[in-house]
Amino acid sequence: MLKDDVPAGYIALADKLRPESADAIRSLHDNGIRCVLLTGDNEAVADGVSRTLGMDGYFAGVLPHEKQEKIKELQGRGNSWR
């Protein structure tokens, strides 16, 4: 919204996290599974979601066609992906 050609406000949109998501991550952790977020979203969004859900890390700005290759790369690194 502009007022006299100056921004007068803004709207921020965000996906709503499902309530059971944090429980699912906790359950995976309880079973020794590390959880990493691969997302096309920007760094700030990825960081916020990762922290909120208690994930082990994230990779932001990953395009859909790059995700499978990123997974293979992480699997190849084993536990040394950080």
PDB file of N, CA and C in Angstrom:
ATOM      1  N   MET A   1       0.843  -1.171   0.000  1.00  0.00           N
ATOM      2  CA  MET A   1       0.000   0.000   0.000  1.00  0.00           C
ATOM      3  C   MET A   1       0.895   1.243   0.000  1.00  0.00           C
ATOM      4  N   LEU A   2       0.582   2.173  -0.875  1.00  0.00           N
ATOM      5  CA  LEU A   2       1.348   3.414  -0.963  1.00  0.00           C
ATOM      6  C   LEU A   2       0.480   4.598  -0.556  1.00  0.00           C
ATOM      7  N   LYS A   3       1.097   5.538   0.112  1.00  0.00           N
ATOM      8  CA  LYS A   3       0.445   6.802   0.439  1.00  0.00           C
ATOM      9  C   LYS A   3       1.405   7.892   0.008  1.00  0.00           C
ATOM     10  N   ASP A   4       1.008   8.690  -0.937  1.00  0.00           N
ATOM     11  CA  ASP A   4       1.887   9.706  -1.524  1.00  0.00           C
ATOM     12  C   ASP A   4       3.172   9.076  -2.040  1.00  0.00           C
ATOM     13  N   ASP A   5       3.038   7.933  -2.722  1.00  0.00           N
ATOM     14  CA  ASP A   5       4.164   7.193  -3.317  1.00  0.00           C
ATOM     15  C   ASP A   5       5.170   6.671  -2.297  1.00  0.00           C
ATOM     16  N   VAL A   6       4.783   6.591  -1.042  1.00  0.00           N
ATOM     17  CA  VAL A   6       5.646   6.061   0.015  1.00  0.00           C
ATOM     18  C   VAL A   6       4.948   4.836   0.613  1.00  0.00           C
ATOM     19  N   PRO A   7       5.688   3.747   0.809  1.00  0.00           N
ATOM     20  CA  PRO A   7       5.039   2.584   1.426  1.00  0.00           C
ATOM     21  C   PRO A   7       4.427   2.939   2.784  1.00  0.00           C
ATOM     22  N   ALA A   8       3.160   2.588   2.954  1.00  0.00           N
ATOM     23  CA  ALA A   8       2.450   2.896   4.201  1.00  0.00           C
ATOM     24  C   ALA A   8       2.222   1.643   5.036  1.00  0.00           C
ATOM     25  N   GLY A   9       2.553   0.505   4.492  1.00  0.00           N
ATOM     26  CA  GLY A   9       2.358  -0.732   5.218  1.00  0.00           C
ATOM     27  C   GLY A   9       2.789  -1.902   4.361  1.00  0.00           C
ATOM     28  N   TYR A  10       2.770  -3.072   4.946  1.00  0.00           N
ATOM     29  CA  TYR A  10       3.112  -4.273   4.204  1.00  0.00           C
ATOM     30  C   TYR A  10       2.382  -5.456   4.813  1.00  0.00           C
ATOM     31  N   ILE A  11       2.333  -6.495   4.052  1.00  0.00           N
ATOM     32  CA  ILE A  11       1.704  -7.728   4.516  1.00  0.00           C
ATOM     33  C   ILE A  11       2.752  -8.826   4.425  1.00  0.00           C
ATOM     34  N   ALA A  12       2.908  -9.569   5.484  1.00  0.00           N
ATOM     35  CA  ALA A  12       3.833 -10.706   5.493  1.00  0.00           C
ATOM     36  C   ALA A  12       3.003 -11.982   5.511  1.00  0.00           C
ATOM     37  N   LEU A  13       3.326 -12.887   4.622  1.00  0.00           N
ATOM     38  CA  LEU A  13       2.627 -14.163   4.551  1.00  0.00           C
ATOM     39  C   LEU A  13       3.585 -15.275   4.929  1.00  0.00           C
ATOM     40  N   ALA A  14       3.074 -16.282   5.591  1.00  0.00           N
ATOM     41  CA  ALA A  14       3.907 -17.425   5.970  1.00  0.00           C
ATOM     42  C   ALA A  14       3.041 -18.673   6.002  1.00  0.00           C
ATOM     43  N   ASP A  15       3.666 -19.781   5.670  1.00  0.00           N
ATOM     44  CA  ASP A  15       2.974 -21.060   5.800  1.00  0.00           C
ATOM     45  C   ASP A  15       2.794 -21.355   7.278  1.00  0.00           C
ATOM     46  N   LYS A  16       1.678 -21.945   7.604  1.00  0.00           N
ATOM     47  CA  LYS A  16       1.428 -22.337   8.990  1.00  0.00           C
ATOM     48  C   LYS A  16       1.969 -23.755   9.191  1.00  0.00           C
ATOM     49  N   LEU A  17       2.769 -23.933  10.227  1.00  0.00           N
ATOM     50  CA  LEU A  17       3.298 -25.263  10.527  1.00  0.00           C
ATOM     51  C   LEU A  17       2.201 -26.113  11.141  1.00  0.00           C
ATOM     52  N   ARG A  18       2.162 -27.355  10.731  1.00  0.00           N
ATOM     53  CA  ARG A  18       1.166 -28.270  11.294  1.00  0.00           C
ATOM     54  C   ARG A  18       1.546 -28.572  12.743  1.00  0.00           C
ATOM     55  N   PRO A  19       0.569 -28.624  13.628  1.00  0.00           N
ATOM     56  CA  PRO A  19       0.846 -28.852  15.055  1.00  0.00           C
ATOM     57  C   PRO A  19       1.636 -30.128  15.331  1.00  0.00           C
ATOM     58  N   GLU A  20       1.420 -31.160  14.535  1.00  0.00           N
ATOM     59  CA  GLU A  20       2.090 -32.436  14.786  1.00  0.00           C
ATOM     60  C   GLU A  20       3.519 -32.485  14.231  1.00  0.00           C
ATOM     61  N   SER A  21       3.952 -31.458  13.534  1.00  0.00           N
ATOM     62  CA  SER A  21       5.284 -31.470  12.914  1.00  0.00           C
ATOM     63  C   SER A  21       6.410 -31.590  13.946  1.00  0.00           C
ATOM     64  N   ALA A  22       6.360 -30.806  15.008  1.00  0.00           N
ATOM     65  CA  ALA A  22       7.412 -30.861  16.025  1.00  0.00           C
ATOM     66  C   ALA A  22       7.449 -32.231  16.694  1.00  0.00           C
ATOM     67  N   ASP A  23       6.275 -32.821  16.917  1.00  0.00           N
ATOM     68  CA  ASP A  23       6.224 -34.167  17.501  1.00  0.00           C
ATOM     69  C   ASP A  23       6.869 -35.187  16.566  1.00  0.00           C
ATOM     70  N   ALA A  24       6.632 -35.046  15.270  1.00  0.00           N
ATOM     71  CA  ALA A  24       7.222 -35.969  14.296  1.00  0.00           C
ATOM     72  C   ALA A  24       8.744 -35.854  14.299  1.00  0.00           C
ATOM     73  N   ILE A  25       9.269 -34.639  14.360  1.00  0.00           N
ATOM     74  CA  ILE A  25      10.725 -34.435  14.397  1.00  0.00           C
ATOM     75  C   ILE A  25      11.290 -35.036  15.678  1.00  0.00           C
ATOM     76  N   ARG A  26      10.609 -34.811  16.801  1.00  0.00           N
ATOM     77  CA  ARG A  26      11.047 -35.377  18.083  1.00  0.00           C
ATOM     78  C   ARG A  26      11.093 -36.903  18.018  1.00  0.00           C
ATOM     79  N   SER A  27      10.080 -37.492  17.416  1.00  0.00           N
ATOM     80  CA  SER A  27      10.017 -38.942  17.282  1.00  0.00           C
ATOM     81  C   SER A  27      11.167 -39.466  16.417  1.00  0.00           C
ATOM     82  N   LEU A  28      11.452 -38.783  15.330  1.00  0.00           N
ATOM     83  CA  LEU A  28      12.584 -39.176  14.481  1.00  0.00           C
ATOM     84  C   LEU A  28      13.894 -39.082  15.266  1.00  0.00           C
ATOM     85  N   HIS A  29      14.070 -38.009  16.011  1.00  0.00           N
ATOM     86  CA  HIS A  29      15.276 -37.850  16.842  1.00  0.00           C
ATOM     87  C   HIS A  29      15.378 -38.978  17.867  1.00  0.00           C
ATOM     88  N   ASP A  30      14.251 -39.327  18.476  1.00  0.00           N
ATOM     89  CA  ASP A  30      14.238 -40.412  19.468  1.00  0.00           C
ATOM     90  C   ASP A  30      14.698 -41.735  18.860  1.00  0.00           C
ATOM     91  N   ASN A  31      14.547 -41.854  17.545  1.00  0.00           N
ATOM     92  CA  ASN A  31      14.951 -43.061  16.843  1.00  0.00           C
ATOM     93  C   ASN A  31      16.310 -42.900  16.155  1.00  0.00           C
ATOM     94  N   GLY A  32      17.049 -41.865  16.552  1.00  0.00           N
ATOM     95  CA  GLY A  32      18.397 -41.664  16.040  1.00  0.00           C
ATOM     96  C   GLY A  32      18.478 -41.125  14.625  1.00  0.00           C
ATOM     97  N   ILE A  33      17.403 -40.518  14.154  1.00  0.00           N
ATOM     98  CA  ILE A  33      17.376 -39.986  12.788  1.00  0.00           C
ATOM     99  C   ILE A  33      17.560 -38.479  12.821  1.00  0.00           C
ATOM    100  N   ARG A  34      18.567 -38.008  12.095  1.00  0.00           N
ATOM    101  CA  ARG A  34      18.806 -36.567  12.000  1.00  0.00           C
ATOM    102  C   ARG A  34      17.843 -35.972  10.992  1.00  0.00           C
ATOM    103  N   CYS A  35      17.395 -34.770  11.254  1.00  0.00           N
ATOM    104  CA  CYS A  35      16.380 -34.128  10.414  1.00  0.00           C
ATOM    105  C   CYS A  35      16.895 -32.803   9.875  1.00  0.00           C
ATOM    106  N   VAL A  36      16.906 -32.711   8.554  1.00  0.00           N
ATOM    107  CA  VAL A  36      17.400 -31.515   7.877  1.00  0.00           C
ATOM    108  C   VAL A  36      16.311 -31.017   6.937  1.00  0.00           C
ATOM    109  N   LEU A  37      16.084 -29.732   6.938  1.00  0.00           N
ATOM    110  CA  LEU A  37      15.093 -29.108   6.073  1.00  0.00           C
ATOM    111  C   LEU A  37      15.757 -28.690   4.764  1.00  0.00           C
ATOM    112  N   LEU A  38      15.195 -29.122   3.646  1.00  0.00           N
ATOM    113  CA  LEU A  38      15.601 -28.650   2.321  1.00  0.00           C
ATOM    114  C   LEU A  38      14.426 -27.840   1.797  1.00  0.00           C
ATOM    115  N   THR A  39      14.647 -26.555   1.552  1.00  0.00           N
ATOM    116  CA  THR A  39      13.539 -25.699   1.144  1.00  0.00           C
ATOM    117  C   THR A  39      13.966 -24.683   0.104  1.00  0.00           C
ATOM    118  N   GLY A  40      13.028 -24.299  -0.696  1.00  0.00           N
ATOM    119  CA  GLY A  40      13.258 -23.231  -1.659  1.00  0.00           C
ATOM    120  C   GLY A  40      13.088 -21.868  -1.020  1.00  0.00           C
ATOM    121  N   ASP A  41      12.596 -21.853   0.202  1.00  0.00           N
ATOM    122  CA  ASP A  41      12.409 -20.574   0.910  1.00  0.00           C
ATOM    123  C   ASP A  41      13.745 -19.912   1.216  1.00  0.00           C
ATOM    124  N   ASN A  42      13.679 -18.649   1.591  1.00  0.00           N
ATOM    125  CA  ASN A  42      14.901 -17.905   1.901  1.00  0.00           C
ATOM    126  C   ASN A  42      15.482 -18.320   3.255  1.00  0.00           C
ATOM    127  N   GLU A  43      16.659 -17.821   3.533  1.00  0.00           N
ATOM    128  CA  GLU A  43      17.423 -18.169   4.733  1.00  0.00           C
ATOM    129  C   GLU A  43      16.639 -17.884   6.017  1.00  0.00           C
ATOM    130  N   ALA A  44      15.993 -16.725   6.097  1.00  0.00           N
ATOM    131  CA  ALA A  44      15.277 -16.352   7.323  1.00  0.00           C
ATOM    132  C   ALA A  44      14.122 -17.310   7.605  1.00  0.00           C
ATOM    133  N   VAL A  45      13.366 -17.660   6.578  1.00  0.00           N
ATOM    134  CA  VAL A  45      12.240 -18.575   6.750  1.00  0.00           C
ATOM    135  C   VAL A  45      12.744 -19.957   7.137  1.00  0.00           C
ATOM    136  N   ALA A  46      13.751 -20.437   6.429  1.00  0.00           N
ATOM    137  CA  ALA A  46      14.301 -21.771   6.709  1.00  0.00           C
ATOM    138  C   ALA A  46      14.839 -21.845   8.136  1.00  0.00           C
ATOM    139  N   ASP A  47      15.552 -20.820   8.563  1.00  0.00           N
ATOM    140  CA  ASP A  47      16.095 -20.793   9.915  1.00  0.00           C
ATOM    141  C   ASP A  47      14.975 -20.819  10.951  1.00  0.00           C
ATOM    142  N   GLY A  48      13.942 -20.028  10.743  1.00  0.00           N
ATOM    143  CA  GLY A  48      12.830 -19.972  11.689  1.00  0.00           C
ATOM    144  C   GLY A  48      12.097 -21.298  11.803  1.00  0.00           C
ATOM    145  N   VAL A  49      11.811 -21.920  10.673  1.00  0.00           N
ATOM    146  CA  VAL A  49      11.108 -23.202  10.678  1.00  0.00           C
ATOM    147  C   VAL A  49      11.971 -24.268  11.333  1.00  0.00           C
ATOM    148  N   SER A  50      13.247 -24.295  10.963  1.00  0.00           N
ATOM    149  CA  SER A  50      14.166 -25.282  11.518  1.00  0.00           C
ATOM    150  C   SER A  50      14.256 -25.160  13.042  1.00  0.00           C
ATOM    151  N   ARG A  51      14.382 -23.956  13.528  1.00  0.00           N
ATOM    152  CA  ARG A  51      14.469 -23.733  14.974  1.00  0.00           C
ATOM    153  C   ARG A  51      13.161 -24.087  15.679  1.00  0.00           C
ATOM    154  N   THR A  52      12.053 -23.664  15.097  1.00  0.00           N
ATOM    155  CA  THR A  52      10.743 -23.931  15.696  1.00  0.00           C
ATOM    156  C   THR A  52      10.493 -25.426  15.841  1.00  0.00           C
ATOM    157  N   LEU A  53      10.900 -26.194  14.834  1.00  0.00           N
ATOM    158  CA  LEU A  53      10.658 -27.633  14.849  1.00  0.00           C
ATOM    159  C   LEU A  53      11.761 -28.427  15.535  1.00  0.00           C
ATOM    160  N   GLY A  54      12.855 -27.774  15.893  1.00  0.00           N
ATOM    161  CA  GLY A  54      13.954 -28.475  16.553  1.00  0.00           C
ATOM    162  C   GLY A  54      14.742 -29.364  15.607  1.00  0.00           C
ATOM    163  N   MET A  55      14.866 -28.936  14.370  1.00  0.00           N
ATOM    164  CA  MET A  55      15.583 -29.729  13.372  1.00  0.00           C
ATOM    165  C   MET A  55      17.087 -29.587  13.567  1.00  0.00           C
ATOM    166  N   ASP A  56      17.838 -30.441  12.906  1.00  0.00           N
ATOM    167  CA  ASP A  56      19.291 -30.441  13.029  1.00  0.00           C
ATOM    168  C   ASP A  56      19.968 -29.446  12.095  1.00  0.00           C
ATOM    169  N   GLY A  57      19.236 -28.883  11.198  1.00  0.00           N
ATOM    170  CA  GLY A  57      19.792 -27.909  10.281  1.00  0.00           C
ATOM    171  C   GLY A  57      18.887 -27.706   9.095  1.00  0.00           C
ATOM    172  N   TYR A  58      19.334 -26.885   8.165  1.00  0.00           N
ATOM    173  CA  TYR A  58      18.532 -26.589   6.985  1.00  0.00           C
ATOM    174  C   TYR A  58      19.434 -26.151   5.836  1.00  0.00           C
ATOM    175  N   PHE A  59      18.876 -26.236   4.650  1.00  0.00           N
ATOM    176  CA  PHE A  59      19.492 -25.694   3.449  1.00  0.00           C
ATOM    177  C   PHE A  59      18.411 -24.885   2.753  1.00  0.00           C
ATOM    178  N   ALA A  60      18.618 -23.596   2.638  1.00  0.00           N
ATOM    179  CA  ALA A  60      17.633 -22.693   2.047  1.00  0.00           C
ATOM    180  C   ALA A  60      17.954 -22.460   0.570  1.00  0.00           C
ATOM    181  N   GLY A  61      16.941 -22.032  -0.161  1.00  0.00           N
ATOM    182  CA  GLY A  61      17.129 -21.681  -1.566  1.00  0.00           C
ATOM    183  C   GLY A  61      17.392 -22.877  -2.468  1.00  0.00           C
ATOM    184  N   VAL A  62      16.992 -24.059  -2.043  1.00  0.00           N
ATOM    185  CA  VAL A  62      17.201 -25.269  -2.848  1.00  0.00           C
ATOM    186  C   VAL A  62      16.005 -25.418  -3.792  1.00  0.00           C
ATOM    187  N   LEU A  63      16.270 -25.393  -5.069  1.00  0.00           N
ATOM    188  CA  LEU A  63      15.206 -25.508  -6.056  1.00  0.00           C
ATOM    189  C   LEU A  63      14.722 -26.952  -6.156  1.00  0.00           C
ATOM    190  N   PRO A  64      13.469 -27.145  -6.590  1.00  0.00           N
ATOM    191  CA  PRO A  64      12.914 -28.500  -6.636  1.00  0.00           C
ATOM    192  C   PRO A  64      13.798 -29.504  -7.372  1.00  0.00           C
ATOM    193  N   HIS A  65      14.354 -29.118  -8.493  1.00  0.00           N
ATOM    194  CA  HIS A  65      15.168 -30.065  -9.268  1.00  0.00           C
ATOM    195  C   HIS A  65      16.536 -30.326  -8.630  1.00  0.00           C
ATOM    196  N   GLU A  66      16.892 -29.572  -7.598  1.00  0.00           N
ATOM    197  CA  GLU A  66      18.170 -29.750  -6.910  1.00  0.00           C
ATOM    198  C   GLU A  66      18.057 -30.611  -5.649  1.00  0.00           C
ATOM    199  N   LYS A  67      16.859 -30.838  -5.176  1.00  0.00           N
ATOM    200  CA  LYS A  67      16.665 -31.505  -3.888  1.00  0.00           C
ATOM    201  C   LYS A  67      17.152 -32.946  -3.872  1.00  0.00           C
ATOM    202  N   GLN A  68      16.873 -33.698  -4.911  1.00  0.00           N
ATOM    203  CA  GLN A  68      17.319 -35.093  -4.942  1.00  0.00           C
ATOM    204  C   GLN A  68      18.845 -35.167  -4.917  1.00  0.00           C
ATOM    205  N   GLU A  69      19.499 -34.295  -5.661  1.00  0.00           N
ATOM    206  CA  GLU A  69      20.961 -34.285  -5.676  1.00  0.00           C
ATOM    207  C   GLU A  69      21.513 -33.882  -4.313  1.00  0.00           C
ATOM    208  N   LYS A  70      20.864 -32.949  -3.646  1.00  0.00           N
ATOM    209  CA  LYS A  70      21.293 -32.518  -2.317  1.00  0.00           C
ATOM    210  C   LYS A  70      21.166 -33.670  -1.320  1.00  0.00           C
ATOM    211  N   ILE A  71      20.107 -34.431  -1.418  1.00  0.00           N
ATOM    212  CA  ILE A  71      19.920 -35.592  -0.537  1.00  0.00           C
ATOM    213  C   ILE A  71      21.034 -36.610  -0.763  1.00  0.00           C
ATOM    214  N   LYS A  72      21.343 -36.893  -2.014  1.00  0.00           N
ATOM    215  CA  LYS A  72      22.425 -37.837  -2.323  1.00  0.00           C
ATOM    216  C   LYS A  72      23.756 -37.331  -1.772  1.00  0.00           C
ATOM    217  N   GLU A  73      23.993 -36.029  -1.901  1.00  0.00           N
ATOM    218  CA  GLU A  73      25.226 -35.428  -1.373  1.00  0.00           C
ATOM    219  C   GLU A  73      25.305 -35.605   0.140  1.00  0.00           C
ATOM    220  N   LEU A  74      24.208 -35.333   0.836  1.00  0.00           N
ATOM    221  CA  LEU A  74      24.181 -35.465   2.297  1.00  0.00           C
ATOM    222  C   LEU A  74      24.368 -36.915   2.721  1.00  0.00           C
ATOM    223  N   GLN A  75      23.734 -37.830   2.013  1.00  0.00           N
ATOM    224  CA  GLN A  75      23.896 -39.248   2.329  1.00  0.00           C
ATOM    225  C   GLN A  75      25.353 -39.672   2.146  1.00  0.00           C
ATOM    226  N   GLY A  76      26.008 -39.139   1.131  1.00  0.00           N
ATOM    227  CA  GLY A  76      27.405 -39.471   0.878  1.00  0.00           C
ATOM    228  C   GLY A  76      28.339 -38.958   1.958  1.00  0.00           C
ATOM    229  N   ARG A  77      27.930 -37.900   2.623  1.00  0.00           N
ATOM    230  CA  ARG A  77      28.750 -37.330   3.700  1.00  0.00           C
ATOM    231  C   ARG A  77      28.561 -38.063   5.025  1.00  0.00           C
ATOM    232  N   GLY A  78      27.527 -38.861   5.134  1.00  0.00           N
ATOM    233  CA  GLY A  78      27.246 -39.544   6.392  1.00  0.00           C
ATOM    234  C   GLY A  78      26.914 -38.533   7.483  1.00  0.00           C
ATOM    235  N   ASN A  79      27.576 -38.643   8.623  1.00  0.00           N
ATOM    236  CA  ASN A  79      27.302 -37.745   9.749  1.00  0.00           C
ATOM    237  C   ASN A  79      28.109 -36.461   9.701  1.00  0.00           C
ATOM    238  N   SER A  80      28.838 -36.224   8.637  1.00  0.00           N
ATOM    239  CA  SER A  80      29.686 -35.030   8.597  1.00  0.00           C
ATOM    240  C   SER A  80      29.137 -33.978   7.646  1.00  0.00           C
ATOM    241  N   TRP A  81      27.827 -33.825   7.577  1.00  0.00           N
ATOM    242  CA  TRP A  81      27.225 -32.886   6.629  1.00  0.00           C
ATOM    243  C   TRP A  81      27.318 -31.427   7.056  1.00  0.00           C
ATOM    244  N   ARG A  82      27.601 -31.147   8.289  1.00  0.00           N
ATOM    245  CA  ARG A  82      27.616 -29.741   8.730  1.00  0.00           C
ATOM    246  C   ARG A  82      28.831 -29.009   8.257  1.00  0.00           C
TER     247      ARG A  82
END
